[in-house]
Amino acid sequence: MIDRDAIEAMIPHKGAMCLWDAVTDWDGRRIRLRGRSHRDPDNPLRRGGRLNAVHLCEYGAQAMAVHGGVLGVAGGGSAKAGVLVALRDVRLCVAWIDDLPGDLVCEAELLADSPTSQQYAFRILHDDGIIAEGRAAVMLQG
């Protein structure tokens, strides 16, 4: 298992903006993460004390970044920096996530990979039920 400190060392998101606590499984195409930051009253994505489900897209994007970091470290280097450029086919099954009592789990799968871009599918689960899913594209820098 890869813990939060290792995750923060691999991605640009630090402190409260690092949304995931652990990588529980990964390979060259997929990653699975667990987190509880949605219950944190100091989560920086909250507005008016609430955390809207649309922010699950950021959870999915961070899962992509963590996967890139894990692959980079495993290959003896680091991940390329990237910019999220598109979200597609996003489906949100809840309105709010701050009141969900259990941990969130994200499963992300690398669908397309090139030297300049990547595309992933992601789904976020709570209590084994899907609460969000979609696809995201990132343009890689450097």
N, C-alpha and C. Protein backbone atom coordinates (compact mmCIF):
# COMPACT_ATOMS: atom_id res chain seq x y z
N MET A 1 0.84 -1.18 0.00
CA MET A 1 0.00 0.00 0.00
C MET A 1 0.89 1.25 0.00
N ILE A 2 0.49 2.24 -0.75
CA ILE A 2 1.20 3.52 -0.81
C ILE A 2 0.41 4.51 0.04
N ASP A 3 1.09 5.15 1.02
CA ASP A 3 0.38 6.02 1.96
C ASP A 3 0.34 7.47 1.48
N ARG A 4 -0.34 8.29 2.27
CA ARG A 4 -0.56 9.70 1.93
C ARG A 4 0.74 10.47 1.73
N ASP A 5 1.73 10.24 2.59
CA ASP A 5 3.00 10.96 2.44
C ASP A 5 3.63 10.66 1.09
N ALA A 6 3.61 9.40 0.68
CA ALA A 6 4.17 9.03 -0.61
C ALA A 6 3.35 9.64 -1.75
N ILE A 7 2.03 9.69 -1.60
CA ILE A 7 1.18 10.31 -2.61
C ILE A 7 1.54 11.78 -2.76
N GLU A 8 1.66 12.50 -1.64
CA GLU A 8 2.00 13.92 -1.70
C GLU A 8 3.36 14.17 -2.34
N ALA A 9 4.28 13.24 -2.20
CA ALA A 9 5.60 13.38 -2.81
C ALA A 9 5.55 13.21 -4.33
N MET A 10 4.48 12.61 -4.84
CA MET A 10 4.39 12.31 -6.27
C MET A 10 3.53 13.29 -7.06
N ILE A 11 2.68 14.07 -6.40
CA ILE A 11 1.75 14.95 -7.11
C ILE A 11 1.91 16.38 -6.60
N PRO A 12 1.44 17.35 -7.36
CA PRO A 12 1.58 18.75 -6.92
C PRO A 12 0.62 19.14 -5.79
N HIS A 13 -0.39 18.34 -5.51
CA HIS A 13 -1.39 18.67 -4.49
C HIS A 13 -0.85 18.34 -3.10
N LYS A 14 -0.81 19.33 -2.23
CA LYS A 14 -0.23 19.17 -0.90
C LYS A 14 -1.25 19.50 0.18
N GLY A 15 -0.97 19.04 1.38
CA GLY A 15 -1.81 19.36 2.52
C GLY A 15 -3.25 18.93 2.30
N ALA A 16 -4.17 19.81 2.68
CA ALA A 16 -5.59 19.50 2.57
C ALA A 16 -6.04 19.32 1.12
N MET A 17 -5.28 19.83 0.17
CA MET A 17 -5.67 19.67 -1.23
C MET A 17 -5.30 18.30 -1.79
N CYS A 18 -4.52 17.52 -1.07
CA CYS A 18 -4.28 16.13 -1.45
C CYS A 18 -5.49 15.33 -0.95
N LEU A 19 -6.29 14.84 -1.87
CA LEU A 19 -7.60 14.27 -1.52
C LEU A 19 -7.57 12.79 -1.18
N TRP A 20 -6.50 12.08 -1.51
CA TRP A 20 -6.44 10.63 -1.31
C TRP A 20 -5.49 10.27 -0.17
N ASP A 21 -5.84 9.22 0.57
CA ASP A 21 -5.05 8.76 1.72
C ASP A 21 -4.15 7.58 1.40
N ALA A 22 -4.54 6.76 0.44
CA ALA A 22 -3.75 5.56 0.16
C ALA A 22 -4.05 5.01 -1.22
N VAL A 23 -3.03 4.44 -1.82
CA VAL A 23 -3.20 3.61 -3.02
C VAL A 23 -3.27 2.18 -2.52
N THR A 24 -4.36 1.50 -2.84
CA THR A 24 -4.54 0.13 -2.35
C THR A 24 -4.18 -0.92 -3.39
N ASP A 25 -4.12 -0.51 -4.67
CA ASP A 25 -3.76 -1.45 -5.72
C ASP A 25 -3.43 -0.65 -6.97
N TRP A 26 -2.49 -1.14 -7.77
CA TRP A 26 -2.18 -0.48 -9.03
C TRP A 26 -1.40 -1.42 -9.93
N ASP A 27 -1.48 -1.13 -11.24
CA ASP A 27 -0.61 -1.76 -12.22
C ASP A 27 -0.40 -0.74 -13.33
N GLY A 28 0.12 -1.16 -14.45
CA GLY A 28 0.44 -0.22 -15.52
C GLY A 28 -0.74 0.46 -16.15
N ARG A 29 -1.93 -0.05 -15.99
CA ARG A 29 -3.14 0.52 -16.61
C ARG A 29 -4.16 1.03 -15.59
N ARG A 30 -4.10 0.56 -14.36
CA ARG A 30 -5.17 0.87 -13.39
C ARG A 30 -4.59 1.26 -12.04
N ILE A 31 -5.43 1.99 -11.29
CA ILE A 31 -5.09 2.34 -9.92
C ILE A 31 -6.38 2.34 -9.09
N ARG A 32 -6.24 2.01 -7.83
CA ARG A 32 -7.36 2.04 -6.89
C ARG A 32 -6.87 2.78 -5.65
N LEU A 33 -7.65 3.79 -5.22
CA LEU A 33 -7.28 4.62 -4.08
C LEU A 33 -8.41 4.69 -3.08
N ARG A 34 -8.05 5.06 -1.85
CA ARG A 34 -9.04 5.22 -0.77
C ARG A 34 -8.81 6.56 -0.11
N GLY A 35 -9.89 7.23 0.28
CA GLY A 35 -9.76 8.52 0.96
C GLY A 35 -10.96 8.88 1.79
N ARG A 36 -10.72 9.77 2.73
CA ARG A 36 -11.78 10.24 3.62
C ARG A 36 -11.86 11.77 3.69
N SER A 37 -11.15 12.46 2.81
CA SER A 37 -11.09 13.92 2.87
C SER A 37 -12.45 14.59 2.66
N HIS A 38 -13.39 13.88 2.07
CA HIS A 38 -14.72 14.46 1.86
C HIS A 38 -15.43 14.75 3.17
N ARG A 39 -15.01 14.09 4.25
CA ARG A 39 -15.63 14.33 5.56
C ARG A 39 -14.91 15.41 6.36
N ASP A 40 -13.77 15.89 5.88
CA ASP A 40 -12.97 16.88 6.59
C ASP A 40 -13.64 18.25 6.49
N PRO A 41 -14.00 18.86 7.63
CA PRO A 41 -14.64 20.18 7.57
C PRO A 41 -13.72 21.25 6.98
N ASP A 42 -12.42 21.00 6.93
CA ASP A 42 -11.47 21.95 6.36
C ASP A 42 -11.11 21.62 4.91
N ASN A 43 -11.84 20.72 4.27
CA ASN A 43 -11.58 20.41 2.87
C ASN A 43 -11.67 21.72 2.07
N PRO A 44 -10.61 22.10 1.34
CA PRO A 44 -10.61 23.40 0.65
C PRO A 44 -11.61 23.51 -0.49
N LEU A 45 -12.22 22.42 -0.90
CA LEU A 45 -13.23 22.48 -1.95
C LEU A 45 -14.63 22.81 -1.42
N ARG A 46 -14.80 22.79 -0.11
CA ARG A 46 -16.11 23.09 0.47
C ARG A 46 -16.51 24.54 0.23
N ARG A 47 -17.79 24.73 0.03
CA ARG A 47 -18.37 26.07 -0.08
C ARG A 47 -19.63 26.08 0.77
N GLY A 48 -19.73 27.08 1.65
CA GLY A 48 -20.88 27.15 2.54
C GLY A 48 -21.00 25.93 3.43
N GLY A 49 -19.85 25.33 3.77
CA GLY A 49 -19.83 24.17 4.65
C GLY A 49 -20.17 22.85 3.97
N ARG A 50 -20.45 22.88 2.66
CA ARG A 50 -20.85 21.67 1.93
C ARG A 50 -19.84 21.33 0.85
N LEU A 51 -19.88 20.08 0.41
CA LEU A 51 -18.99 19.62 -0.64
C LEU A 51 -19.85 19.00 -1.74
N ASN A 52 -19.96 19.69 -2.85
CA ASN A 52 -20.81 19.29 -3.96
C ASN A 52 -20.21 18.08 -4.68
N ALA A 53 -21.05 17.24 -5.22
CA ALA A 53 -20.60 16.05 -5.94
C ALA A 53 -19.79 16.38 -7.17
N VAL A 54 -19.94 17.56 -7.74
CA VAL A 54 -19.14 17.92 -8.92
C VAL A 54 -17.65 17.85 -8.60
N HIS A 55 -17.30 18.01 -7.33
CA HIS A 55 -15.89 17.94 -6.94
C HIS A 55 -15.32 16.52 -7.06
N LEU A 56 -16.18 15.54 -7.25
CA LEU A 56 -15.68 14.18 -7.49
C LEU A 56 -14.85 14.12 -8.78
N CYS A 57 -15.06 15.07 -9.68
CA CYS A 57 -14.21 15.14 -10.88
C CYS A 57 -12.77 15.46 -10.48
N GLU A 58 -12.57 16.30 -9.48
CA GLU A 58 -11.22 16.58 -8.98
C GLU A 58 -10.63 15.34 -8.31
N TYR A 59 -11.45 14.60 -7.60
CA TYR A 59 -10.97 13.34 -7.02
C TYR A 59 -10.49 12.40 -8.13
N GLY A 60 -11.26 12.31 -9.21
CA GLY A 60 -10.86 11.47 -10.32
C GLY A 60 -9.59 11.97 -10.99
N ALA A 61 -9.47 13.28 -11.17
CA ALA A 61 -8.27 13.85 -11.79
C ALA A 61 -7.05 13.61 -10.92
N GLN A 62 -7.21 13.72 -9.60
CA GLN A 62 -6.07 13.44 -8.73
C GLN A 62 -5.68 11.97 -8.77
N ALA A 63 -6.64 11.10 -8.94
CA ALA A 63 -6.31 9.68 -9.09
C ALA A 63 -5.43 9.47 -10.32
N MET A 64 -5.75 10.18 -11.40
CA MET A 64 -4.93 10.11 -12.61
C MET A 64 -3.50 10.57 -12.31
N ALA A 65 -3.38 11.69 -11.60
CA ALA A 65 -2.06 12.23 -11.26
C ALA A 65 -1.27 11.25 -10.40
N VAL A 66 -1.95 10.62 -9.45
CA VAL A 66 -1.28 9.64 -8.59
C VAL A 66 -0.81 8.46 -9.43
N HIS A 67 -1.64 7.99 -10.36
CA HIS A 67 -1.23 6.88 -11.22
C HIS A 67 0.02 7.25 -12.01
N GLY A 68 0.03 8.46 -12.58
CA GLY A 68 1.22 8.91 -13.30
C GLY A 68 2.44 8.97 -12.39
N GLY A 69 2.25 9.42 -11.15
CA GLY A 69 3.35 9.47 -10.20
C GLY A 69 3.87 8.09 -9.85
N VAL A 70 2.97 7.17 -9.59
CA VAL A 70 3.36 5.79 -9.26
C VAL A 70 4.14 5.17 -10.42
N LEU A 71 3.65 5.37 -11.64
CA LEU A 71 4.34 4.83 -12.80
C LEU A 71 5.71 5.48 -12.99
N GLY A 72 5.78 6.80 -12.78
CA GLY A 72 7.04 7.50 -12.90
C GLY A 72 8.08 7.01 -11.90
N VAL A 73 7.67 6.87 -10.64
CA VAL A 73 8.58 6.38 -9.60
C VAL A 73 9.00 4.95 -9.89
N ALA A 74 8.05 4.12 -10.30
CA ALA A 74 8.37 2.72 -10.62
C ALA A 74 9.36 2.63 -11.78
N GLY A 75 9.32 3.62 -12.68
CA GLY A 75 10.23 3.63 -13.81
C GLY A 75 11.55 4.34 -13.53
N GLY A 76 11.75 4.73 -12.27
CA GLY A 76 13.00 5.37 -11.88
C GLY A 76 13.02 6.88 -12.04
N GLY A 77 11.89 7.49 -12.29
CA GLY A 77 11.84 8.94 -12.47
C GLY A 77 10.69 9.55 -11.71
N SER A 78 9.96 10.42 -12.39
CA SER A 78 8.78 11.03 -11.81
C SER A 78 7.75 11.25 -12.91
N ALA A 79 6.56 11.62 -12.51
CA ALA A 79 5.49 11.85 -13.49
C ALA A 79 5.70 13.19 -14.18
N LYS A 80 5.27 13.27 -15.43
CA LYS A 80 5.22 14.56 -16.11
C LYS A 80 4.07 15.37 -15.54
N ALA A 81 4.27 16.67 -15.45
CA ALA A 81 3.18 17.56 -15.04
C ALA A 81 2.13 17.55 -16.14
N GLY A 82 0.89 17.74 -15.75
CA GLY A 82 -0.20 17.74 -16.72
C GLY A 82 -1.26 18.75 -16.38
N VAL A 83 -2.08 19.07 -17.37
CA VAL A 83 -3.20 20.00 -17.21
C VAL A 83 -4.46 19.29 -17.66
N LEU A 84 -5.45 19.25 -16.81
CA LEU A 84 -6.75 18.67 -17.16
C LEU A 84 -7.38 19.54 -18.24
N VAL A 85 -7.72 18.93 -19.37
CA VAL A 85 -8.26 19.71 -20.48
C VAL A 85 -9.70 19.34 -20.85
N ALA A 86 -10.17 18.18 -20.42
CA ALA A 86 -11.54 17.79 -20.80
C ALA A 86 -12.09 16.76 -19.84
N LEU A 87 -13.37 16.88 -19.60
CA LEU A 87 -14.15 15.86 -18.89
C LEU A 87 -15.26 15.43 -19.84
N ARG A 88 -15.51 14.13 -19.91
CA ARG A 88 -16.54 13.61 -20.81
C ARG A 88 -17.38 12.58 -20.08
N ASP A 89 -18.65 12.51 -20.48
CA ASP A 89 -19.56 11.48 -19.99
C ASP A 89 -19.58 11.37 -18.47
N VAL A 90 -19.50 12.52 -17.79
CA VAL A 90 -19.53 12.52 -16.33
C VAL A 90 -20.96 12.25 -15.87
N ARG A 91 -21.07 11.33 -14.94
CA ARG A 91 -22.37 10.99 -14.33
C ARG A 91 -22.21 11.08 -12.83
N LEU A 92 -22.99 11.94 -12.20
CA LEU A 92 -22.99 12.09 -10.75
C LEU A 92 -24.27 11.48 -10.20
N CYS A 93 -24.13 10.61 -9.22
CA CYS A 93 -25.29 9.89 -8.70
C CYS A 93 -25.77 10.41 -7.34
N VAL A 94 -25.07 11.38 -6.79
CA VAL A 94 -25.45 12.03 -5.54
C VAL A 94 -25.29 13.53 -5.75
N ALA A 95 -25.89 14.33 -4.87
CA ALA A 95 -25.75 15.78 -4.97
C ALA A 95 -24.61 16.31 -4.11
N TRP A 96 -24.45 15.70 -2.94
CA TRP A 96 -23.45 16.16 -1.97
C TRP A 96 -22.62 14.97 -1.51
N ILE A 97 -21.38 15.22 -1.11
CA ILE A 97 -20.55 14.10 -0.63
C ILE A 97 -20.04 14.29 0.78
N ASP A 98 -20.19 15.47 1.35
CA ASP A 98 -19.67 15.72 2.70
C ASP A 98 -20.40 14.92 3.77
N ASP A 99 -21.59 14.44 3.48
CA ASP A 99 -22.36 13.69 4.46
C ASP A 99 -22.27 12.17 4.28
N LEU A 100 -21.41 11.71 3.37
CA LEU A 100 -21.23 10.27 3.18
C LEU A 100 -20.34 9.73 4.29
N PRO A 101 -20.80 8.75 5.05
CA PRO A 101 -20.07 8.32 6.24
C PRO A 101 -18.83 7.48 5.99
N GLY A 102 -18.79 6.73 4.91
CA GLY A 102 -17.65 5.84 4.67
C GLY A 102 -16.59 6.48 3.79
N ASP A 103 -15.49 5.76 3.62
CA ASP A 103 -14.42 6.23 2.74
C ASP A 103 -14.88 6.20 1.29
N LEU A 104 -14.25 7.05 0.48
CA LEU A 104 -14.42 7.02 -0.96
C LEU A 104 -13.36 6.11 -1.54
N VAL A 105 -13.69 5.45 -2.62
CA VAL A 105 -12.74 4.61 -3.36
C VAL A 105 -12.81 5.08 -4.81
N CYS A 106 -11.65 5.23 -5.41
CA CYS A 106 -11.59 5.58 -6.83
C CYS A 106 -10.88 4.48 -7.58
N GLU A 107 -11.45 4.13 -8.70
CA GLU A 107 -10.82 3.21 -9.65
C GLU A 107 -10.63 4.00 -10.93
N ALA A 108 -9.38 4.12 -11.38
CA ALA A 108 -9.09 4.84 -12.61
C ALA A 108 -8.34 3.91 -13.55
N GLU A 109 -8.65 4.03 -14.84
CA GLU A 109 -8.02 3.18 -15.85
C GLU A 109 -7.49 4.04 -16.98
N LEU A 110 -6.23 3.85 -17.32
CA LEU A 110 -5.59 4.54 -18.43
C LEU A 110 -6.13 3.97 -19.74
N LEU A 111 -6.80 4.80 -20.53
CA LEU A 111 -7.41 4.37 -21.79
C LEU A 111 -6.52 4.66 -22.99
N ALA A 112 -5.82 5.78 -22.96
CA ALA A 112 -4.96 6.19 -24.07
C ALA A 112 -3.77 6.94 -23.49
N ASP A 113 -2.60 6.66 -24.06
CA ASP A 113 -1.36 7.24 -23.55
C ASP A 113 -0.47 7.62 -24.72
N SER A 114 -0.03 8.87 -24.75
CA SER A 114 0.92 9.31 -25.76
C SER A 114 1.95 10.20 -25.07
N PRO A 115 3.00 10.59 -25.73
CA PRO A 115 3.99 11.46 -25.09
C PRO A 115 3.43 12.82 -24.67
N THR A 116 2.31 13.23 -25.24
CA THR A 116 1.76 14.56 -24.94
C THR A 116 0.40 14.56 -24.25
N SER A 117 -0.24 13.42 -24.16
CA SER A 117 -1.58 13.40 -23.55
C SER A 117 -1.93 12.01 -23.02
N GLN A 118 -2.91 12.03 -22.14
CA GLN A 118 -3.45 10.78 -21.60
C GLN A 118 -4.96 10.93 -21.44
N GLN A 119 -5.65 9.80 -21.52
CA GLN A 119 -7.08 9.77 -21.25
C GLN A 119 -7.35 8.63 -20.27
N TYR A 120 -8.16 8.92 -19.28
CA TYR A 120 -8.52 7.95 -18.25
C TYR A 120 -10.03 7.86 -18.13
N ALA A 121 -10.49 6.72 -17.69
CA ALA A 121 -11.85 6.55 -17.18
C ALA A 121 -11.72 6.44 -15.67
N PHE A 122 -12.67 7.04 -14.96
CA PHE A 122 -12.65 6.94 -13.50
C PHE A 122 -14.04 6.67 -12.98
N ARG A 123 -14.07 6.04 -11.84
CA ARG A 123 -15.34 5.90 -11.12
C ARG A 123 -15.04 6.00 -9.64
N ILE A 124 -15.94 6.67 -8.94
CA ILE A 124 -15.81 6.87 -7.50
C ILE A 124 -16.93 6.07 -6.84
N LEU A 125 -16.54 5.29 -5.84
CA LEU A 125 -17.49 4.45 -5.12
C LEU A 125 -17.58 4.85 -3.66
N HIS A 126 -18.75 4.61 -3.09
CA HIS A 126 -18.98 4.74 -1.66
C HIS A 126 -19.84 3.56 -1.25
N ASP A 127 -19.40 2.84 -0.24
CA ASP A 127 -20.11 1.63 0.19
C ASP A 127 -20.39 0.70 -0.99
N ASP A 128 -19.40 0.54 -1.86
CA ASP A 128 -19.45 -0.35 -3.02
C ASP A 128 -20.43 0.07 -4.11
N GLY A 129 -21.05 1.24 -3.98
CA GLY A 129 -21.93 1.75 -5.02
C GLY A 129 -21.28 2.90 -5.76
N ILE A 130 -21.47 2.97 -7.06
CA ILE A 130 -20.89 4.05 -7.86
C ILE A 130 -21.63 5.35 -7.56
N ILE A 131 -20.86 6.40 -7.20
CA ILE A 131 -21.47 7.71 -6.97
C ILE A 131 -21.06 8.71 -8.04
N ALA A 132 -20.03 8.39 -8.82
CA ALA A 132 -19.62 9.24 -9.95
C ALA A 132 -18.77 8.41 -10.89
N GLU A 133 -18.84 8.78 -12.17
CA GLU A 133 -17.97 8.15 -13.17
C GLU A 133 -17.84 9.08 -14.34
N GLY A 134 -16.79 8.88 -15.11
CA GLY A 134 -16.58 9.71 -16.29
C GLY A 134 -15.22 9.41 -16.91
N ARG A 135 -14.88 10.25 -17.87
CA ARG A 135 -13.58 10.17 -18.53
C ARG A 135 -12.94 11.54 -18.45
N ALA A 136 -11.62 11.55 -18.40
CA ALA A 136 -10.90 12.81 -18.33
C ALA A 136 -9.66 12.74 -19.21
N ALA A 137 -9.32 13.87 -19.82
CA ALA A 137 -8.13 13.96 -20.66
C ALA A 137 -7.19 15.00 -20.07
N VAL A 138 -5.91 14.70 -20.15
CA VAL A 138 -4.87 15.60 -19.64
C VAL A 138 -3.82 15.80 -20.72
N MET A 139 -3.37 17.05 -20.85
CA MET A 139 -2.24 17.36 -21.73
C MET A 139 -0.99 17.38 -20.85
N LEU A 140 0.01 16.62 -21.25
CA LEU A 140 1.24 16.52 -20.49
C LEU A 140 2.20 17.64 -20.88
N GLN A 141 2.93 18.13 -19.90
CA GLN A 141 3.88 19.22 -20.13
C GLN A 141 5.30 18.70 -19.94
N GLY A 142 6.23 19.30 -20.66
CA GLY A 142 7.64 18.98 -20.46
C GLY A 142 8.13 17.74 -21.07
